[in-house]
Amino acid sequence: MFEFIVVIIMLIGIALIGVVLIQPGKGDLSAGFGGVGGQLGSMFGMRKTTDLLTKITIGLAAAVLILSIFVNKFFLPDNENSAVAPAMQGAQAPAAAQQAPVPAPKPSGQQAQPNQK
């Protein structure tokens, strides 16, 4: 069910991209995208086409929003109640690495005296 809803969200998202690209802009550059926007405008009238595309855009965006909230609420795990085990739980501890011994620091009160002859 989760995968089905995600596929629906993806298809709605692709349709939303297409509807936004078809909408006529202020400069009406839709002719550069194959003239689809200009054809729709002459077929239905420019004002009706703009209103229709705006309503479709709002509807598709609302559908993506509602489906995303639905998936988040009902299909994803609740982080507050689920105890996540650390990735290293149950794994064996690594063998201690062979390192050279680190020399002990000299006390701060004594400074090394240079050899004087």
C-alpha atoms as a PDB file:
ATOM      1  CA  MET A   1       0.000   0.000   0.000  1.00  0.00           C
ATOM      2  CA  PHE A   2       2.874   2.350   0.854  1.00  0.00           C
ATOM      3  CA  GLU A   3       4.494   1.833  -2.556  1.00  0.00           C
ATOM      4  CA  PHE A   4       1.174   2.379  -4.316  1.00  0.00           C
ATOM      5  CA  ILE A   5       0.638   5.742  -2.628  1.00  0.00           C
ATOM      6  CA  VAL A   6       4.220   6.799  -3.349  1.00  0.00           C
ATOM      7  CA  VAL A   7       3.728   5.984  -7.046  1.00  0.00           C
ATOM      8  CA  ILE A   8       0.507   8.026  -7.045  1.00  0.00           C
ATOM      9  CA  ILE A   9       2.350  10.969  -5.446  1.00  0.00           C
ATOM     10  CA  MET A  10       5.060  10.725  -8.105  1.00  0.00           C
ATOM     11  CA  LEU A  11       2.518  10.688 -10.942  1.00  0.00           C
ATOM     12  CA  ILE A  12       0.673  13.656  -9.459  1.00  0.00           C
ATOM     13  CA  GLY A  13       4.009  15.462  -9.124  1.00  0.00           C
ATOM     14  CA  ILE A  14       4.803  14.877 -12.803  1.00  0.00           C
ATOM     15  CA  ALA A  15       1.326  16.101 -13.772  1.00  0.00           C
ATOM     16  CA  LEU A  16       1.831  19.169 -11.560  1.00  0.00           C
ATOM     17  CA  ILE A  17       5.087  19.976 -13.346  1.00  0.00           C
ATOM     18  CA  GLY A  18       3.333  19.676 -16.710  1.00  0.00           C
ATOM     19  CA  VAL A  19       0.420  21.902 -15.673  1.00  0.00           C
ATOM     20  CA  VAL A  20       2.763  24.574 -14.346  1.00  0.00           C
ATOM     21  CA  LEU A  21       4.779  24.550 -17.559  1.00  0.00           C
ATOM     22  CA  ILE A  22       1.629  24.881 -19.691  1.00  0.00           C
ATOM     23  CA  GLN A  23       0.356  27.943 -17.806  1.00  0.00           C
ATOM     24  CA  PRO A  24       0.842  31.143 -19.727  1.00  0.00           C
ATOM     25  CA  GLY A  25       3.305  33.514 -18.117  1.00  0.00           C
ATOM     26  CA  LYS A  26       3.261  37.282 -18.081  1.00  0.00           C
ATOM     27  CA  GLY A  27       5.307  37.361 -21.284  1.00  0.00           C
ATOM     28  CA  ASP A  28       3.353  34.365 -22.680  1.00  0.00           C
ATOM     29  CA  LEU A  29       6.444  32.335 -23.509  1.00  0.00           C
ATOM     30  CA  SER A  30       4.360  29.172 -23.799  1.00  0.00           C
ATOM     31  CA  ALA A  31       4.879  29.231 -27.551  1.00  0.00           C
ATOM     32  CA  GLY A  32       8.479  28.272 -26.862  1.00  0.00           C
ATOM     33  CA  PHE A  33       7.275  24.988 -25.343  1.00  0.00           C
ATOM     34  CA  GLY A  34       5.667  23.758 -28.533  1.00  0.00           C
ATOM     35  CA  GLY A  35       2.821  26.227 -28.535  1.00  0.00           C
ATOM     36  CA  VAL A  36       0.660  24.117 -26.241  1.00  0.00           C
ATOM     37  CA  GLY A  37      -0.352  27.046 -24.065  1.00  0.00           C
ATOM     38  CA  GLY A  38      -1.285  29.148 -27.066  1.00  0.00           C
ATOM     39  CA  GLN A  39      -3.435  26.376 -28.521  1.00  0.00           C
ATOM     40  CA  LEU A  40      -5.302  25.895 -25.265  1.00  0.00           C
ATOM     41  CA  GLY A  41      -5.852  29.620 -24.971  1.00  0.00           C
ATOM     42  CA  SER A  42      -7.360  29.935 -28.424  1.00  0.00           C
ATOM     43  CA  MET A  43      -9.501  26.818 -27.954  1.00  0.00           C
ATOM     44  CA  PHE A  44     -11.157  27.728 -24.637  1.00  0.00           C
ATOM     45  CA  GLY A  45     -10.479  31.425 -24.410  1.00  0.00           C
ATOM     46  CA  MET A  46      -7.425  32.739 -22.579  1.00  0.00           C
ATOM     47  CA  ARG A  47      -9.193  33.708 -19.349  1.00  0.00           C
ATOM     48  CA  LYS A  48     -11.018  30.391 -18.930  1.00  0.00           C
ATOM     49  CA  THR A  49      -7.849  28.424 -19.659  1.00  0.00           C
ATOM     50  CA  THR A  50      -5.880  30.382 -17.077  1.00  0.00           C
ATOM     51  CA  ASP A  51      -8.569  29.850 -14.446  1.00  0.00           C
ATOM     52  CA  LEU A  52      -8.819  26.135 -15.244  1.00  0.00           C
ATOM     53  CA  LEU A  53      -5.045  25.611 -15.114  1.00  0.00           C
ATOM     54  CA  THR A  54      -4.852  27.527 -11.834  1.00  0.00           C
ATOM     55  CA  LYS A  55      -7.547  25.339 -10.287  1.00  0.00           C
ATOM     56  CA  ILE A  56      -5.856  22.174 -11.551  1.00  0.00           C
ATOM     57  CA  THR A  57      -2.521  23.356 -10.112  1.00  0.00           C
ATOM     58  CA  ILE A  58      -4.068  24.053  -6.714  1.00  0.00           C
ATOM     59  CA  GLY A  59      -5.873  20.713  -6.727  1.00  0.00           C
ATOM     60  CA  LEU A  60      -2.757  18.717  -7.644  1.00  0.00           C
ATOM     61  CA  ALA A  61      -0.643  20.535  -5.064  1.00  0.00           C
ATOM     62  CA  ALA A  62      -3.272  19.897  -2.381  1.00  0.00           C
ATOM     63  CA  ALA A  63      -3.405  16.205  -3.373  1.00  0.00           C
ATOM     64  CA  VAL A  64       0.377  15.868  -3.010  1.00  0.00           C
ATOM     65  CA  LEU A  65       0.246  17.616   0.358  1.00  0.00           C
ATOM     66  CA  ILE A  66      -2.602  15.484   1.726  1.00  0.00           C
ATOM     67  CA  LEU A  67      -1.144  12.201   0.461  1.00  0.00           C
ATOM     68  CA  SER A  68       2.278  13.072   1.886  1.00  0.00           C
ATOM     69  CA  ILE A  69       0.786  13.799   5.305  1.00  0.00           C
ATOM     70  CA  PHE A  70      -1.257  10.580   5.101  1.00  0.00           C
ATOM     71  CA  VAL A  71       1.832   8.494   4.300  1.00  0.00           C
ATOM     72  CA  ASN A  72       3.845  10.194   7.028  1.00  0.00           C
ATOM     73  CA  LYS A  73       1.131   9.669   9.632  1.00  0.00           C
ATOM     74  CA  PHE A  74       0.084   6.083   8.920  1.00  0.00           C
ATOM     75  CA  PHE A  75       2.937   4.299   7.144  1.00  0.00           C
ATOM     76  CA  LEU A  76       6.181   5.613   8.608  1.00  0.00           C
ATOM     77  CA  PRO A  77       7.334   4.478  12.058  1.00  0.00           C
ATOM     78  CA  ASP A  78       6.646   6.684  15.056  1.00  0.00           C
ATOM     79  CA  ASN A  79      10.005   7.922  16.353  1.00  0.00           C
ATOM     80  CA  GLU A  80       8.729   8.686  19.852  1.00  0.00           C
ATOM     81  CA  ASN A  81       7.627   5.149  20.730  1.00  0.00           C
ATOM     82  CA  SER A  82      10.118   3.037  18.810  1.00  0.00           C
ATOM     83  CA  ALA A  83      13.420   2.211  20.441  1.00  0.00           C
ATOM     84  CA  VAL A  84      16.133   2.207  17.825  1.00  0.00           C
ATOM     85  CA  ALA A  85      18.939  -0.197  18.623  1.00  0.00           C
ATOM     86  CA  PRO A  86      22.465   0.995  17.952  1.00  0.00           C
ATOM     87  CA  ALA A  87      24.069  -0.418  14.846  1.00  0.00           C
ATOM     88  CA  MET A  88      26.882  -1.995  16.887  1.00  0.00           C
ATOM     89  CA  GLN A  89      24.613  -3.814  19.336  1.00  0.00           C
ATOM     90  CA  GLY A  90      25.482  -7.502  19.404  1.00  0.00           C
ATOM     91  CA  ALA A  91      28.638  -7.055  17.320  1.00  0.00           C
ATOM     92  CA  GLN A  92      31.978  -8.270  18.583  1.00  0.00           C
ATOM     93  CA  ALA A  93      34.391  -5.693  19.853  1.00  0.00           C
ATOM     94  CA  PRO A  94      37.362  -5.138  17.527  1.00  0.00           C
ATOM     95  CA  ALA A  95      40.740  -6.460  18.595  1.00  0.00           C
ATOM     96  CA  ALA A  96      42.922  -3.876  20.296  1.00  0.00           C
ATOM     97  CA  ALA A  97      45.236  -2.268  17.803  1.00  0.00           C
ATOM     98  CA  GLN A  98      48.947  -2.642  18.462  1.00  0.00           C
ATOM     99  CA  GLN A  99      50.233   0.838  19.173  1.00  0.00           C
ATOM    100  CA  ALA A 100      53.571   2.088  20.358  1.00  0.00           C
ATOM    101  CA  PRO A 101      53.485   3.197  23.995  1.00  0.00           C
ATOM    102  CA  VAL A 102      52.970   6.909  24.443  1.00  0.00           C
ATOM    103  CA  PRO A 103      55.688   8.566  26.566  1.00  0.00           C
ATOM    104  CA  ALA A 104      54.490  10.065  29.809  1.00  0.00           C
ATOM    105  CA  PRO A 105      54.332  13.864  29.835  1.00  0.00           C
ATOM    106  CA  LYS A 106      56.920  15.685  31.876  1.00  0.00           C
ATOM    107  CA  PRO A 107      55.659  17.424  34.996  1.00  0.00           C
ATOM    108  CA  SER A 108      54.924  21.084  34.341  1.00  0.00           C
ATOM    109  CA  GLY A 109      56.978  22.299  37.306  1.00  0.00           C
ATOM    110  CA  GLN A 110      60.234  20.905  35.956  1.00  0.00           C
ATOM    111  CA  GLN A 111      61.697  22.045  32.717  1.00  0.00           C
ATOM    112  CA  ALA A 112      64.395  20.199  30.906  1.00  0.00           C
ATOM    113  CA  GLN A 113      67.771  21.837  31.518  1.00  0.00           C
ATOM    114  CA  PRO A 114      70.144  21.997  28.575  1.00  0.00           C
ATOM    115  CA  ASN A 115      73.500  20.327  29.106  1.00  0.00           C
ATOM    116  CA  GLN A 116      75.960  22.918  30.362  1.00  0.00           C
ATOM    117  CA  LYS A 117      79.706  22.319  30.497  1.00  0.00           C
END
